[in-house]
Amino acid sequence: MNDRVSSPMPSAWPVPTQPTVRRTAMKAWMEGMVYLLPSLLLFGVFLFYPLARTLYLSMFSTNYQGAPIRFVGWAHFAALFQDESFWHSVKTTFFFAALTVPTTVAIAFCLALLVHEKRKGIGIFRTLFASTMGMSVAVASIIWMFMYNPAIGIMNRLLSALGFPAVSWLLDPDTALYAVAIATIWMNIGFTFLLLLAGLQNIDPSLYESARIAGLSYWRQLWTVSVPLLSPTLFFVTTVSLIQALQTFGQIDFLTKGGPVDATNVFVYAIYREAFVNYQFGFASAQAIVLFVIIAAITFLQFRFAERKVHYQ
């Protein structure tokens, strides 16, 4: 019997060569870029170009039309950090954020807990609590402007009914920022409430059932089940609310114009006045860059440290 050396079976699939692999990878990359092109165009036109243009203008003195006329380097930034009004606007902005962000999240969380249970007629209250998100800043600001009116406003009428003297809410430097903060909290509650309610409804009901079987009270269930599982939503709404607070402009412009005596002159409104009232576009651009760096740094710190306590399912 003769031993035969069997020849290897030919491969059913040809082994791709290196140029073929490169062409395939390049084709896949180009296909991906085609899908990303609309987003890249939008980001380029409305984000990257304005940011680059702002950084460019911060290095120049400009005329009244915003055209650069003289290169000044970092002079605007040096003058900015020596400007007392700049530090006043920074302090006012952070104080405003401290007033609005925790209060908005706390109230929205309590409202979400109230309407989380499925009961008859609860949808009416859910609609009422979320209704503020359907109102623009301009309309809401006008409503609160009338409410704060010293002569005909409902706020002073309530104070008079309780035996307290009338208050010039938007005209007194001691109360103006608090008045704007109250209006801002009311404006932001609807959006925050809706997100927190969605987060609560996403929690598995069997976890609450297990907690009840284990004999945990309502408050114990809240802190051991609801809050940990809601932490991603809480982290998101806190981060977004803080960024919005640092960029507050509309209600300031409608209610106080940064006054009285710069009591409500927050960072973004200071930038607006520097650019479109004083026509110092280079100096305003430097302020905008500083604000961008502050928000980016705060957001980074939040994701770096606060996210460690977030429990993702």
C-alpha atoms as a PDB file:
ATOM      1  CA  MET A   1       0.000   0.000   0.000  1.00  0.00           C
ATOM      2  CA  ASN A   2       1.592   3.235  -1.095  1.00  0.00           C
ATOM      3  CA  ASP A   3       1.577   6.148   1.338  1.00  0.00           C
ATOM      4  CA  ARG A   4       0.210   9.216  -0.291  1.00  0.00           C
ATOM      5  CA  VAL A   5       1.073  12.705   0.887  1.00  0.00           C
ATOM      6  CA  SER A   6      -2.158  14.610   0.846  1.00  0.00           C
ATOM      7  CA  SER A   7      -1.907  18.166  -0.388  1.00  0.00           C
ATOM      8  CA  PRO A   8      -3.435  20.880   1.845  1.00  0.00           C
ATOM      9  CA  MET A   9      -6.993  21.824   1.097  1.00  0.00           C
ATOM     10  CA  PRO A  10      -7.279  25.185  -0.646  1.00  0.00           C
ATOM     11  CA  SER A  11      -8.702  27.914   1.624  1.00  0.00           C
ATOM     12  CA  ALA A  12     -12.321  28.763   0.952  1.00  0.00           C
ATOM     13  CA  TRP A  13     -11.714  32.417   1.769  1.00  0.00           C
ATOM     14  CA  PRO A  14      -8.674  34.241   0.424  1.00  0.00           C
ATOM     15  CA  VAL A  15      -6.463  35.846   3.058  1.00  0.00           C
ATOM     16  CA  PRO A  16      -6.695  39.612   2.596  1.00  0.00           C
ATOM     17  CA  THR A  17      -3.458  41.355   1.843  1.00  0.00           C
ATOM     18  CA  GLN A  18      -2.275  44.416   3.744  1.00  0.00           C
ATOM     19  CA  PRO A  19      -3.256  46.902   0.995  1.00  0.00           C
ATOM     20  CA  THR A  20      -6.728  45.355   0.931  1.00  0.00           C
ATOM     21  CA  VAL A  21      -7.072  45.766   4.708  1.00  0.00           C
ATOM     22  CA  ARG A  22      -5.988  49.379   4.432  1.00  0.00           C
ATOM     23  CA  ARG A  23      -8.482  50.097   1.662  1.00  0.00           C
ATOM     24  CA  THR A  24     -11.279  48.484   3.693  1.00  0.00           C
ATOM     25  CA  ALA A  25     -10.375  50.500   6.784  1.00  0.00           C
ATOM     26  CA  MET A  26     -10.172  53.710   4.740  1.00  0.00           C
ATOM     27  CA  LYS A  27     -13.549  52.985   3.145  1.00  0.00           C
ATOM     28  CA  ALA A  28     -15.118  52.393   6.568  1.00  0.00           C
ATOM     29  CA  TRP A  29     -13.545  55.608   7.909  1.00  0.00           C
ATOM     30  CA  MET A  30     -14.819  57.660   4.974  1.00  0.00           C
ATOM     31  CA  GLU A  31     -18.285  56.151   5.331  1.00  0.00           C
ATOM     32  CA  GLY A  32     -18.303  57.091   9.010  1.00  0.00           C
ATOM     33  CA  MET A  33     -17.185  60.644   8.216  1.00  0.00           C
ATOM     34  CA  VAL A  34     -20.058  60.994   5.734  1.00  0.00           C
ATOM     35  CA  TYR A  35     -22.529  60.193   8.524  1.00  0.00           C
ATOM     36  CA  LEU A  36     -20.747  62.587  10.886  1.00  0.00           C
ATOM     37  CA  LEU A  37     -20.498  65.410   8.355  1.00  0.00           C
ATOM     38  CA  PRO A  38     -23.820  67.142   9.232  1.00  0.00           C
ATOM     39  CA  SER A  39     -22.948  67.168  12.936  1.00  0.00           C
ATOM     40  CA  LEU A  40     -19.402  68.340  12.233  1.00  0.00           C
ATOM     41  CA  LEU A  41     -20.740  71.184  10.081  1.00  0.00           C
ATOM     42  CA  LEU A  42     -23.167  72.291  12.806  1.00  0.00           C
ATOM     43  CA  PHE A  43     -20.530  72.110  15.522  1.00  0.00           C
ATOM     44  CA  GLY A  44     -18.005  73.849  13.299  1.00  0.00           C
ATOM     45  CA  VAL A  45     -20.289  76.734  12.357  1.00  0.00           C
ATOM     46  CA  PHE A  46     -22.025  77.284  15.681  1.00  0.00           C
ATOM     47  CA  LEU A  47     -19.397  76.144  18.217  1.00  0.00           C
ATOM     48  CA  PHE A  48     -15.807  75.769  17.045  1.00  0.00           C
ATOM     49  CA  TYR A  49     -15.669  78.838  14.802  1.00  0.00           C
ATOM     50  CA  PRO A  50     -17.302  81.200  17.357  1.00  0.00           C
ATOM     51  CA  LEU A  51     -14.924  79.890  20.028  1.00  0.00           C
ATOM     52  CA  ALA A  52     -11.883  80.415  17.816  1.00  0.00           C
ATOM     53  CA  ARG A  53     -13.152  83.858  16.771  1.00  0.00           C
ATOM     54  CA  THR A  54     -13.735  84.856  20.400  1.00  0.00           C
ATOM     55  CA  LEU A  55     -10.220  83.782  21.352  1.00  0.00           C
ATOM     56  CA  TYR A  56      -8.863  85.729  18.381  1.00  0.00           C
ATOM     57  CA  LEU A  57     -10.773  88.907  19.290  1.00  0.00           C
ATOM     58  CA  SER A  58      -9.620  88.686  22.906  1.00  0.00           C
ATOM     59  CA  MET A  59      -6.103  89.432  21.645  1.00  0.00           C
ATOM     60  CA  PHE A  60      -7.096  92.649  19.859  1.00  0.00           C
ATOM     61  CA  SER A  61      -8.534  96.066  20.460  1.00  0.00           C
ATOM     62  CA  THR A  62     -11.566  96.592  18.244  1.00  0.00           C
ATOM     63  CA  ASN A  63     -13.535  99.458  16.794  1.00  0.00           C
ATOM     64  CA  TYR A  64     -17.255 100.062  17.366  1.00  0.00           C
ATOM     65  CA  GLN A  65     -18.126  97.517  14.682  1.00  0.00           C
ATOM     66  CA  GLY A  66     -16.088  94.760  16.313  1.00  0.00           C
ATOM     67  CA  ALA A  67     -13.295  94.738  13.720  1.00  0.00           C
ATOM     68  CA  PRO A  68      -9.807  94.169  15.200  1.00  0.00           C
ATOM     69  CA  ILE A  69      -7.522  97.183  14.832  1.00  0.00           C
ATOM     70  CA  ARG A  70      -4.557  96.590  17.180  1.00  0.00           C
ATOM     71  CA  PHE A  71      -2.942  93.475  18.646  1.00  0.00           C
ATOM     72  CA  VAL A  72      -2.668  93.654  22.435  1.00  0.00           C
ATOM     73  CA  GLY A  73      -1.840  90.047  23.320  1.00  0.00           C
ATOM     74  CA  TRP A  74      -2.837  89.089  26.853  1.00  0.00           C
ATOM     75  CA  ALA A  75      -3.402  92.681  27.948  1.00  0.00           C
ATOM     76  CA  HIS A  76      -7.173  92.245  28.163  1.00  0.00           C
ATOM     77  CA  PHE A  77      -6.795  89.258  30.457  1.00  0.00           C
ATOM     78  CA  ALA A  78      -4.315  91.122  32.668  1.00  0.00           C
ATOM     79  CA  ALA A  79      -6.672  94.095  32.925  1.00  0.00           C
ATOM     80  CA  LEU A  80      -9.604  91.774  33.546  1.00  0.00           C
ATOM     81  CA  PHE A  81      -8.088  90.126  36.605  1.00  0.00           C
ATOM     82  CA  GLN A  82      -7.334  93.576  38.061  1.00  0.00           C
ATOM     83  CA  ASP A  83     -10.866  94.847  37.469  1.00  0.00           C
ATOM     84  CA  GLU A  84     -13.007  94.975  40.626  1.00  0.00           C
ATOM     85  CA  SER A  85     -16.240  94.822  38.629  1.00  0.00           C
ATOM     86  CA  PHE A  86     -15.094  91.534  37.096  1.00  0.00           C
ATOM     87  CA  TRP A  87     -14.581  89.936  40.503  1.00  0.00           C
ATOM     88  CA  HIS A  88     -17.908  91.377  41.643  1.00  0.00           C
ATOM     89  CA  SER A  89     -19.703  89.725  38.703  1.00  0.00           C
ATOM     90  CA  VAL A  90     -17.920  86.426  39.423  1.00  0.00           C
ATOM     91  CA  LYS A  91     -18.962  86.526  43.070  1.00  0.00           C
ATOM     92  CA  THR A  92     -22.534  87.477  42.126  1.00  0.00           C
ATOM     93  CA  THR A  93     -22.733  84.650  39.582  1.00  0.00           C
ATOM     94  CA  PHE A  94     -21.552  81.967  41.994  1.00  0.00           C
ATOM     95  CA  PHE A  95     -23.816  83.264  44.741  1.00  0.00           C
ATOM     96  CA  PHE A  96     -26.724  83.196  42.299  1.00  0.00           C
ATOM     97  CA  ALA A  97     -25.847  79.607  41.361  1.00  0.00           C
ATOM     98  CA  ALA A  98     -25.664  78.640  45.040  1.00  0.00           C
ATOM     99  CA  LEU A  99     -29.142  80.082  45.549  1.00  0.00           C
ATOM    100  CA  THR A 100     -30.804  78.473  42.551  1.00  0.00           C
ATOM    101  CA  VAL A 101     -29.203  75.096  41.807  1.00  0.00           C
ATOM    102  CA  PRO A 102     -29.624  73.240  45.138  1.00  0.00           C
ATOM    103  CA  THR A 103     -33.065  74.747  45.730  1.00  0.00           C
ATOM    104  CA  THR A 104     -34.310  73.824  42.249  1.00  0.00           C
ATOM    105  CA  VAL A 105     -33.080  70.237  42.503  1.00  0.00           C
ATOM    106  CA  ALA A 106     -34.437  69.802  46.057  1.00  0.00           C
ATOM    107  CA  ILE A 107     -37.906  71.164  45.247  1.00  0.00           C
ATOM    108  CA  ALA A 108     -38.135  69.209  41.987  1.00  0.00           C
ATOM    109  CA  PHE A 109     -37.076  66.027  43.797  1.00  0.00           C
ATOM    110  CA  CYS A 110     -39.757  66.494  46.460  1.00  0.00           C
ATOM    111  CA  LEU A 111     -42.413  67.140  43.811  1.00  0.00           C
ATOM    112  CA  ALA A 112     -41.308  64.050  41.874  1.00  0.00           C
ATOM    113  CA  LEU A 113     -41.634  61.953  45.037  1.00  0.00           C
ATOM    114  CA  LEU A 114     -45.140  63.326  45.641  1.00  0.00           C
ATOM    115  CA  VAL A 115     -46.476  62.328  42.230  1.00  0.00           C
ATOM    116  CA  HIS A 116     -44.413  59.167  41.740  1.00  0.00           C
ATOM    117  CA  GLU A 117     -47.162  56.891  43.024  1.00  0.00           C
ATOM    118  CA  LYS A 118     -49.869  55.848  40.572  1.00  0.00           C
ATOM    119  CA  ARG A 119     -53.082  57.251  41.983  1.00  0.00           C
ATOM    120  CA  LYS A 120     -56.290  58.581  40.516  1.00  0.00           C
ATOM    121  CA  GLY A 121     -55.950  62.133  39.226  1.00  0.00           C
ATOM    122  CA  ILE A 122     -52.190  62.276  39.811  1.00  0.00           C
ATOM    123  CA  GLY A 123     -51.630  63.120  36.141  1.00  0.00           C
ATOM    124  CA  ILE A 124     -53.162  66.557  36.710  1.00  0.00           C
ATOM    125  CA  PHE A 125     -50.506  67.399  39.292  1.00  0.00           C
ATOM    126  CA  ARG A 126     -47.739  66.024  37.085  1.00  0.00           C
ATOM    127  CA  THR A 127     -48.886  68.330  34.304  1.00  0.00           C
ATOM    128  CA  LEU A 128     -49.061  71.323  36.635  1.00  0.00           C
ATOM    129  CA  PHE A 129     -45.593  70.717  38.087  1.00  0.00           C
ATOM    130  CA  ALA A 130     -44.039  70.322  34.620  1.00  0.00           C
ATOM    131  CA  SER A 131     -45.923  73.224  33.027  1.00  0.00           C
ATOM    132  CA  THR A 132     -43.218  75.827  33.689  1.00  0.00           C
ATOM    133  CA  MET A 133     -40.919  74.190  31.130  1.00  0.00           C
ATOM    134  CA  GLY A 134     -43.366  75.151  28.388  1.00  0.00           C
ATOM    135  CA  MET A 135     -42.918  78.860  29.082  1.00  0.00           C
ATOM    136  CA  SER A 136     -40.158  80.974  27.578  1.00  0.00           C
ATOM    137  CA  VAL A 137     -37.809  83.024  29.724  1.00  0.00           C
ATOM    138  CA  ALA A 138     -39.227  86.247  28.294  1.00  0.00           C
ATOM    139  CA  VAL A 139     -42.840  85.405  29.140  1.00  0.00           C
ATOM    140  CA  ALA A 140     -41.959  84.076  32.588  1.00  0.00           C
ATOM    141  CA  SER A 141     -39.860  87.166  33.330  1.00  0.00           C
ATOM    142  CA  ILE A 142     -42.721  89.494  32.398  1.00  0.00           C
ATOM    143  CA  ILE A 143     -45.079  87.551  34.671  1.00  0.00           C
ATOM    144  CA  TRP A 144     -42.685  87.875  37.589  1.00  0.00           C
ATOM    145  CA  MET A 145     -42.097  91.535  36.766  1.00  0.00           C
ATOM    146  CA  PHE A 146     -45.787  92.202  37.364  1.00  0.00           C
ATOM    147  CA  MET A 147     -45.791  90.036  40.472  1.00  0.00           C
ATOM    148  CA  TYR A 148     -42.868  92.043  41.901  1.00  0.00           C
ATOM    149  CA  ASN A 149     -44.418  95.423  41.020  1.00  0.00           C
ATOM    150  CA  PRO A 150     -44.328  97.546  44.207  1.00  0.00           C
ATOM    151  CA  ALA A 151     -47.780  99.031  43.593  1.00  0.00           C
ATOM    152  CA  ILE A 152     -49.911  96.321  42.010  1.00  0.00           C
ATOM    153  CA  GLY A 153     -47.817  93.158  42.432  1.00  0.00           C
ATOM    154  CA  ILE A 154     -49.270  90.162  44.221  1.00  0.00           C
ATOM    155  CA  MET A 155     -46.130  89.693  46.295  1.00  0.00           C
ATOM    156  CA  ASN A 156     -46.566  92.992  48.126  1.00  0.00           C
ATOM    157  CA  ARG A 157     -50.297  92.401  48.457  1.00  0.00           C
ATOM    158  CA  LEU A 158     -49.559  89.146  50.246  1.00  0.00           C
ATOM    159  CA  LEU A 159     -47.105  90.924  52.520  1.00  0.00           C
ATOM    160  CA  SER A 160     -49.678  93.622  53.266  1.00  0.00           C
ATOM    161  CA  ALA A 161     -52.302  90.971  54.081  1.00  0.00           C
ATOM    162  CA  LEU A 162     -49.864  89.444  56.558  1.00  0.00           C
ATOM    163  CA  GLY A 163     -49.073  92.813  58.101  1.00  0.00           C
ATOM    164  CA  PHE A 164     -45.622  93.314  56.605  1.00  0.00           C
ATOM    165  CA  PRO A 165     -44.450  96.477  54.794  1.00  0.00           C
ATOM    166  CA  ALA A 166     -44.146  96.577  51.016  1.00  0.00           C
ATOM    167  CA  VAL A 167     -40.806  95.628  49.470  1.00  0.00           C
ATOM    168  CA  SER A 168     -39.178  97.055  46.337  1.00  0.00           C
ATOM    169  CA  TRP A 169     -38.175  93.611  45.143  1.00  0.00           C
ATOM    170  CA  LEU A 170     -36.303  94.551  41.976  1.00  0.00           C
ATOM    171  CA  LEU A 171     -35.256  98.071  43.004  1.00  0.00           C
ATOM    172  CA  ASP A 172     -33.524  97.285  46.297  1.00  0.00           C
ATOM    173  CA  PRO A 173     -29.916  95.985  46.028  1.00  0.00           C
ATOM    174  CA  ASP A 174     -30.512  93.817  49.091  1.00  0.00           C
ATOM    175  CA  THR A 175     -33.452  91.927  47.571  1.00  0.00           C
ATOM    176  CA  ALA A 176     -32.990  92.114  43.788  1.00  0.00           C
ATOM    177  CA  LEU A 177     -30.763  89.057  43.407  1.00  0.00           C
ATOM    178  CA  TYR A 178     -32.986  86.969  45.684  1.00  0.00           C
ATOM    179  CA  ALA A 179     -36.047  88.049  43.689  1.00  0.00           C
ATOM    180  CA  VAL A 180     -34.441  87.004  40.411  1.00  0.00           C
ATOM    181  CA  ALA A 181     -33.322  83.744  42.026  1.00  0.00           C
ATOM    182  CA  ILE A 182     -36.897  82.922  43.078  1.00  0.00           C
ATOM    183  CA  ALA A 183     -38.139  83.551  39.544  1.00  0.00           C
ATOM    184  CA  THR A 184     -35.324  81.408  38.114  1.00  0.00           C
ATOM    185  CA  ILE A 185     -36.104  78.533  40.457  1.00  0.00           C
ATOM    186  CA  TRP A 186     -39.733  78.632  39.357  1.00  0.00           C
ATOM    187  CA  MET A 187     -38.697  78.643  35.682  1.00  0.00           C
ATOM    188  CA  ASN A 188     -36.343  75.659  36.039  1.00  0.00           C
ATOM    189  CA  ILE A 189     -38.434  73.421  38.282  1.00  0.00           C
ATOM    190  CA  GLY A 190     -40.532  71.970  35.438  1.00  0.00           C
ATOM    191  CA  PHE A 191     -37.605  70.571  33.427  1.00  0.00           C
ATOM    192  CA  THR A 192     -35.804  69.242  36.501  1.00  0.00           C
ATOM    193  CA  PHE A 193     -39.004  67.724  37.887  1.00  0.00           C
ATOM    194  CA  LEU A 194     -39.726  65.904  34.631  1.00  0.00           C
ATOM    195  CA  LEU A 195     -36.278  64.316  34.484  1.00  0.00           C
ATOM    196  CA  LEU A 196     -36.351  63.244  38.124  1.00  0.00           C
ATOM    197  CA  LEU A 197     -39.827  61.794  37.763  1.00  0.00           C
ATOM    198  CA  ALA A 198     -38.683  59.797  34.729  1.00  0.00           C
ATOM    199  CA  GLY A 199     -35.719  58.537  36.751  1.00  0.00           C
ATOM    200  CA  LEU A 200     -37.958  57.441  39.620  1.00  0.00           C
ATOM    201  CA  GLN A 201     -40.322  55.614  37.289  1.00  0.00           C
ATOM    202  CA  ASN A 202     -37.362  53.788  35.765  1.00  0.00           C
ATOM    203  CA  ILE A 203     -36.518  52.115  39.097  1.00  0.00           C
ATOM    204  CA  ASP A 204     -37.613  48.473  39.283  1.00  0.00           C
ATOM    205  CA  PRO A 205     -40.675  48.223  41.605  1.00  0.00           C
ATOM    206  CA  SER A 206     -39.456  44.810  42.832  1.00  0.00           C
ATOM    207  CA  LEU A 207     -36.644  46.583  44.679  1.00  0.00           C
ATOM    208  CA  TYR A 208     -39.163  48.510  46.764  1.00  0.00           C
ATOM    209  CA  GLU A 209     -41.099  45.289  47.362  1.00  0.00           C
ATOM    210  CA  SER A 210     -37.930  43.592  48.605  1.00  0.00           C
ATOM    211  CA  ALA A 211     -37.206  46.560  50.861  1.00  0.00           C
ATOM    212  CA  ARG A 212     -40.714  46.425  52.346  1.00  0.00           C
ATOM    213  CA  ILE A 213     -40.368  42.691  52.980  1.00  0.00           C
ATOM    214  CA  ALA A 214     -37.077  43.415  54.742  1.00  0.00           C
ATOM    215  CA  GLY A 215     -38.960  45.808  57.028  1.00  0.00           C
ATOM    216  CA  LEU A 216     -37.427  49.068  55.792  1.00  0.00           C
ATOM    217  CA  SER A 217     -39.397  52.231  56.461  1.00  0.00           C
ATOM    218  CA  TYR A 218     -40.325  54.731  53.732  1.00  0.00           C
ATOM    219  CA  TRP A 219     -37.410  57.021  54.563  1.00  0.00           C
ATOM    220  CA  ARG A 220     -35.007  54.095  54.689  1.00  0.00           C
ATOM    221  CA  GLN A 221     -36.216  52.979  51.259  1.00  0.00           C
ATOM    222  CA  LEU A 222     -35.718  56.519  50.013  1.00  0.00           C
ATOM    223  CA  TRP A 223     -32.065  56.682  51.045  1.00  0.00           C
ATOM    224  CA  THR A 224     -31.091  53.079  50.274  1.00  0.00           C
ATOM    225  CA  VAL A 225     -33.068  52.466  47.075  1.00  0.00           C
ATOM    226  CA  SER A 226     -34.383  55.652  45.461  1.00  0.00           C
ATOM    227  CA  VAL A 227     -31.442  58.029  45.907  1.00  0.00           C
ATOM    228  CA  PRO A 228     -28.662  55.585  44.853  1.00  0.00           C
ATOM    229  CA  LEU A 229     -30.555  54.432  41.766  1.00  0.00           C
ATOM    230  CA  LEU A 230     -31.559  58.002  40.946  1.00  0.00           C
ATOM    231  CA  SER A 231     -27.995  59.288  41.325  1.00  0.00           C
ATOM    232  CA  PRO A 232     -27.245  59.316  37.550  1.00  0.00           C
ATOM    233  CA  THR A 233     -30.270  61.551  36.972  1.00  0.00           C
ATOM    234  CA  LEU A 234     -29.422  63.712  39.988  1.00  0.00           C
ATOM    235  CA  PHE A 235     -25.866  64.098  38.708  1.00  0.00           C
ATOM    236  CA  PHE A 236     -27.121  65.080  35.257  1.00  0.00           C
ATOM    237  CA  VAL A 237     -29.683  67.645  36.428  1.00  0.00           C
ATOM    238  CA  THR A 238     -27.210  69.147  38.911  1.00  0.00           C
ATOM    239  CA  THR A 239     -24.534  69.526  36.236  1.00  0.00           C
ATOM    240  CA  VAL A 240     -26.927  71.012  33.672  1.00  0.00           C
ATOM    241  CA  SER A 241     -28.546  73.327  36.233  1.00  0.00           C
ATOM    242  CA  LEU A 242     -25.152  74.611  37.367  1.00  0.00           C
ATOM    243  CA  ILE A 243     -24.072  75.357  33.803  1.00  0.00           C
ATOM    244  CA  GLN A 244     -27.373  77.136  33.145  1.00  0.00           C
ATOM    245  CA  ALA A 245     -26.987  79.183  36.337  1.00  0.00           C
ATOM    246  CA  LEU A 246     -23.499  80.302  35.323  1.00  0.00           C
ATOM    247  CA  GLN A 247     -24.875  81.358  31.920  1.00  0.00           C
ATOM    248  CA  THR A 248     -27.955  83.191  33.216  1.00  0.00           C
ATOM    249  CA  PHE A 249     -28.904  86.156  31.065  1.00  0.00           C
ATOM    250  CA  GLY A 250     -32.554  86.395  29.968  1.00  0.00           C
ATOM    251  CA  GLN A 251     -34.265  86.980  33.300  1.00  0.00           C
ATOM    252  CA  ILE A 252     -31.552  89.437  34.350  1.00  0.00           C
ATOM    253  CA  ASP A 253     -32.053  91.429  31.160  1.00  0.00           C
ATOM    254  CA  PHE A 254     -35.846  91.537  31.537  1.00  0.00           C
ATOM    255  CA  LEU A 255     -36.106  92.096  35.285  1.00  0.00           C
ATOM    256  CA  THR A 256     -33.165  94.218  36.471  1.00  0.00           C
ATOM    257  CA  LYS A 257     -30.760  95.052  33.610  1.00  0.00           C
ATOM    258  CA  GLY A 258     -27.926  94.091  35.963  1.00  0.00           C
ATOM    259  CA  GLY A 259     -28.986  96.593  38.616  1.00  0.00           C
ATOM    260  CA  PRO A 260     -29.674  98.101  40.956  1.00  0.00           C
ATOM    261  CA  VAL A 261     -26.093  99.230  41.631  1.00  0.00           C
ATOM    262  CA  ASP A 262     -24.802  96.096  39.838  1.00  0.00           C
ATOM    263  CA  ALA A 263     -26.455  93.878  42.455  1.00  0.00           C
ATOM    264  CA  THR A 264     -27.542  91.426  39.738  1.00  0.00           C
ATOM    265  CA  ASN A 265     -24.720  91.990  37.261  1.00  0.00           C
ATOM    266  CA  VAL A 266     -23.901  88.331  36.656  1.00  0.00           C
ATOM    267  CA  PHE A 267     -21.070  87.173  34.405  1.00  0.00           C
ATOM    268  CA  VAL A 268     -22.925  86.802  31.105  1.00  0.00           C
ATOM    269  CA  TYR A 269     -24.779  90.075  31.508  1.00  0.00           C
ATOM    270  CA  ALA A 270     -21.452  91.800  32.238  1.00  0.00           C
ATOM    271  CA  ILE A 271     -20.118  90.383  28.969  1.00  0.00           C
ATOM    272  CA  TYR A 272     -23.204  91.635  27.141  1.00  0.00           C
ATOM    273  CA  ARG A 273     -22.857  95.171  28.544  1.00  0.00           C
ATOM    274  CA  GLU A 274     -19.142  95.280  27.781  1.00  0.00           C
ATOM    275  CA  ALA A 275     -19.713  94.212  24.160  1.00  0.00           C
ATOM    276  CA  PHE A 276     -23.014  95.810  23.137  1.00  0.00           C
ATOM    277  CA  VAL A 277     -23.215  98.834  25.446  1.00  0.00           C
ATOM    278  CA  ASN A 278     -19.563  99.864  25.838  1.00  0.00           C
ATOM    279  CA  TYR A 279     -18.511  98.369  22.452  1.00  0.00           C
ATOM    280  CA  GLN A 280     -15.380  96.830  23.989  1.00  0.00           C
ATOM    281  CA  PHE A 281     -15.567  93.618  21.994  1.00  0.00           C
ATOM    282  CA  GLY A 282     -11.995  92.541  22.715  1.00  0.00           C
ATOM    283  CA  PHE A 283     -12.414  92.934  26.468  1.00  0.00           C
ATOM    284  CA  ALA A 284     -15.789  91.176  26.332  1.00  0.00           C
ATOM    285  CA  SER A 285     -14.233  88.314  24.361  1.00  0.00           C
ATOM    286  CA  ALA A 286     -11.607  87.914  27.074  1.00  0.00           C
ATOM    287  CA  GLN A 287     -14.385  87.672  29.650  1.00  0.00           C
ATOM    288  CA  ALA A 288     -16.159  85.056  27.524  1.00  0.00           C
ATOM    289  CA  ILE A 289     -13.000  82.964  27.326  1.00  0.00           C
ATOM    290  CA  VAL A 290     -12.595  83.131  31.109  1.00  0.00           C
ATOM    291  CA  LEU A 291     -16.216  82.041  31.551  1.00  0.00           C
ATOM    292  CA  PHE A 292     -15.647  79.142  29.166  1.00  0.00           C
ATOM    293  CA  VAL A 293     -12.595  78.028  31.149  1.00  0.00           C
ATOM    294  CA  ILE A 294     -14.488  78.301  34.454  1.00  0.00           C
ATOM    295  CA  ILE A 295     -17.431  76.220  33.201  1.00  0.00           C
ATOM    296  CA  ALA A 296     -15.110  73.649  31.604  1.00  0.00           C
ATOM    297  CA  ALA A 297     -13.088  73.346  34.828  1.00  0.00           C
ATOM    298  CA  ILE A 298     -16.185  72.970  37.018  1.00  0.00           C
ATOM    299  CA  THR A 299     -17.671  70.373  34.672  1.00  0.00           C
ATOM    300  CA  PHE A 300     -14.390  68.442  34.647  1.00  0.00           C
ATOM    301  CA  LEU A 301     -14.226  68.463  38.448  1.00  0.00           C
ATOM    302  CA  GLN A 302     -17.805  67.255  38.652  1.00  0.00           C
ATOM    303  CA  PHE A 303     -17.107  64.321  36.358  1.00  0.00           C
ATOM    304  CA  ARG A 304     -13.770  63.667  38.060  1.00  0.00           C
ATOM    305  CA  PHE A 305     -14.980  63.573  41.661  1.00  0.00           C
ATOM    306  CA  ALA A 306     -18.776  63.782  41.981  1.00  0.00           C
ATOM    307  CA  GLU A 307     -19.405  61.018  39.433  1.00  0.00           C
ATOM    308  CA  ARG A 308     -17.597  58.542  41.685  1.00  0.00           C
ATOM    309  CA  LYS A 309     -20.689  58.494  43.916  1.00  0.00           C
ATOM    310  CA  VAL A 310     -23.027  57.825  41.000  1.00  0.00           C
ATOM    311  CA  HIS A 311     -24.443  54.288  40.884  1.00  0.00           C
ATOM    312  CA  TYR A 312     -25.132  53.177  37.325  1.00  0.00           C
ATOM    313  CA  GLN A 313     -27.385  50.163  36.932  1.00  0.00           C
END
